[in-house]
Amino acid sequence: MLERLRKVICEYADIPAEKITEETNIRTELGLNSLELINMAVAIEDEFGVEIPDREALGIETVGDTIKLIEKYMNA
């Protein structure tokens, strides 16, 4: 799952995929603003076939948080 997520993140952030870990902070290390985060969330939804509410997407802090949300909505 991390590899697929890295691909999506790299479309929105100027960071090499190998530097993205579960501990990577979305806001401070990737430098995404709220609008970019929502757009990335939509791309993640498309990639993984899930729907993540905007409110929850805005609360994402790390890549690991993103994986947990994907898993939560894949199993919903």
C-alpha atoms as a PDB file:
ATOM      1  CA  MET A   1       0.000   0.000   0.000  1.00  0.00           C
ATOM      2  CA  LEU A   2       2.855   2.393   0.810  1.00  0.00           C
ATOM      3  CA  GLU A   3       4.284   2.065  -2.705  1.00  0.00           C
ATOM      4  CA  ARG A   4       0.950   2.958  -4.322  1.00  0.00           C
ATOM      5  CA  LEU A   5       0.524   5.850  -1.915  1.00  0.00           C
ATOM      6  CA  ARG A   6       4.028   7.129  -2.651  1.00  0.00           C
ATOM      7  CA  LYS A   7       3.146   7.324  -6.343  1.00  0.00           C
ATOM      8  CA  VAL A   8       0.102   9.478  -5.626  1.00  0.00           C
ATOM      9  CA  ILE A   9       1.965  11.707  -3.162  1.00  0.00           C
ATOM     10  CA  CYS A  10       4.767  12.307  -5.666  1.00  0.00           C
ATOM     11  CA  GLU A  11       2.203  13.782  -8.074  1.00  0.00           C
ATOM     12  CA  TYR A  12       1.500  16.541  -5.528  1.00  0.00           C
ATOM     13  CA  ALA A  13       4.760  16.964  -3.631  1.00  0.00           C
ATOM     14  CA  ASP A  14       8.250  17.627  -4.903  1.00  0.00           C
ATOM     15  CA  ILE A  15       9.940  14.848  -2.925  1.00  0.00           C
ATOM     16  CA  PRO A  16      11.590  11.608  -4.051  1.00  0.00           C
ATOM     17  CA  ALA A  17       9.415   8.537  -3.428  1.00  0.00           C
ATOM     18  CA  GLU A  18      12.149   6.781  -1.452  1.00  0.00           C
ATOM     19  CA  LYS A  19      12.116   9.628   1.102  1.00  0.00           C
ATOM     20  CA  ILE A  20       8.418   9.067   1.873  1.00  0.00           C
ATOM     21  CA  THR A  21       7.876   6.866   4.929  1.00  0.00           C
ATOM     22  CA  GLU A  22       4.916   6.278   7.216  1.00  0.00           C
ATOM     23  CA  GLU A  23       6.402   8.898   9.558  1.00  0.00           C
ATOM     24  CA  THR A  24       6.602  11.586   6.855  1.00  0.00           C
ATOM     25  CA  ASN A  25       4.583  14.623   7.957  1.00  0.00           C
ATOM     26  CA  ILE A  26       2.215  15.708   5.197  1.00  0.00           C
ATOM     27  CA  ARG A  27       2.214  19.405   6.047  1.00  0.00           C
ATOM     28  CA  THR A  28       5.758  20.096   7.210  1.00  0.00           C
ATOM     29  CA  GLU A  29       7.764  17.683   5.101  1.00  0.00           C
ATOM     30  CA  LEU A  30       5.664  17.669   1.941  1.00  0.00           C
ATOM     31  CA  GLY A  31       4.608  21.307   2.205  1.00  0.00           C
ATOM     32  CA  LEU A  32       1.042  20.728   1.035  1.00  0.00           C
ATOM     33  CA  ASN A  33      -1.573  23.378   1.744  1.00  0.00           C
ATOM     34  CA  SER A  34      -5.209  22.510   2.520  1.00  0.00           C
ATOM     35  CA  LEU A  35      -6.354  22.655  -1.113  1.00  0.00           C
ATOM     36  CA  GLU A  36      -3.469  20.464  -2.278  1.00  0.00           C
ATOM     37  CA  LEU A  37      -4.228  18.046   0.536  1.00  0.00           C
ATOM     38  CA  ILE A  38      -7.879  17.767  -0.559  1.00  0.00           C
ATOM     39  CA  ASN A  39      -6.821  17.250  -4.190  1.00  0.00           C
ATOM     40  CA  MET A  40      -4.363  14.579  -3.106  1.00  0.00           C
ATOM     41  CA  ALA A  41      -7.109  12.948  -1.004  1.00  0.00           C
ATOM     42  CA  VAL A  42      -9.312  12.760  -4.113  1.00  0.00           C
ATOM     43  CA  ALA A  43      -6.461  11.143  -6.051  1.00  0.00           C
ATOM     44  CA  ILE A  44      -5.964   8.675  -3.175  1.00  0.00           C
ATOM     45  CA  GLU A  45      -9.684   7.888  -3.208  1.00  0.00           C
ATOM     46  CA  ASP A  46      -9.477   7.154  -6.927  1.00  0.00           C
ATOM     47  CA  GLU A  47      -6.345   5.024  -6.536  1.00  0.00           C
ATOM     48  CA  PHE A  48      -7.727   2.924  -3.681  1.00  0.00           C
ATOM     49  CA  GLY A  49     -11.469   2.992  -4.473  1.00  0.00           C
ATOM     50  CA  VAL A  50     -12.462   4.629  -1.175  1.00  0.00           C
ATOM     51  CA  GLU A  51     -14.246   7.794  -0.061  1.00  0.00           C
ATOM     52  CA  ILE A  52     -12.541   9.847   2.643  1.00  0.00           C
ATOM     53  CA  PRO A  53     -14.607  12.709   4.118  1.00  0.00           C
ATOM     54  CA  ASP A  54     -12.929  16.114   3.648  1.00  0.00           C
ATOM     55  CA  ARG A  55     -12.976  16.743   7.402  1.00  0.00           C
ATOM     56  CA  GLU A  56     -10.921  13.603   8.009  1.00  0.00           C
ATOM     57  CA  ALA A  57      -8.598  14.336   5.092  1.00  0.00           C
ATOM     58  CA  LEU A  58      -7.808  17.735   6.610  1.00  0.00           C
ATOM     59  CA  GLY A  59      -6.854  16.018   9.864  1.00  0.00           C
ATOM     60  CA  ILE A  60      -4.169  13.878   8.250  1.00  0.00           C
ATOM     61  CA  GLU A  61      -0.753  14.536   9.754  1.00  0.00           C
ATOM     62  CA  THR A  62       1.473  11.716   8.485  1.00  0.00           C
ATOM     63  CA  VAL A  63       1.606   9.230   5.641  1.00  0.00           C
ATOM     64  CA  GLY A  64       0.852   6.568   8.265  1.00  0.00           C
ATOM     65  CA  ASP A  65      -2.370   8.446   9.154  1.00  0.00           C
ATOM     66  CA  THR A  66      -3.290   8.331   5.485  1.00  0.00           C
ATOM     67  CA  ILE A  67      -2.747   4.569   5.343  1.00  0.00           C
ATOM     68  CA  LYS A  68      -4.965   4.111   8.422  1.00  0.00           C
ATOM     69  CA  LEU A  69      -7.741   6.168   6.808  1.00  0.00           C
ATOM     70  CA  ILE A  70      -7.499   4.189   3.568  1.00  0.00           C
ATOM     71  CA  GLU A  71      -7.699   0.930   5.507  1.00  0.00           C
ATOM     72  CA  LYS A  72     -10.627   2.247   7.572  1.00  0.00           C
ATOM     73  CA  TYR A  73     -12.669   3.106   4.490  1.00  0.00           C
ATOM     74  CA  MET A  74     -11.611   0.049   2.493  1.00  0.00           C
ATOM     75  CA  ASN A  75     -13.099  -2.062   5.258  1.00  0.00           C
ATOM     76  CA  ALA A  76     -16.210   0.079   5.757  1.00  0.00           C
END
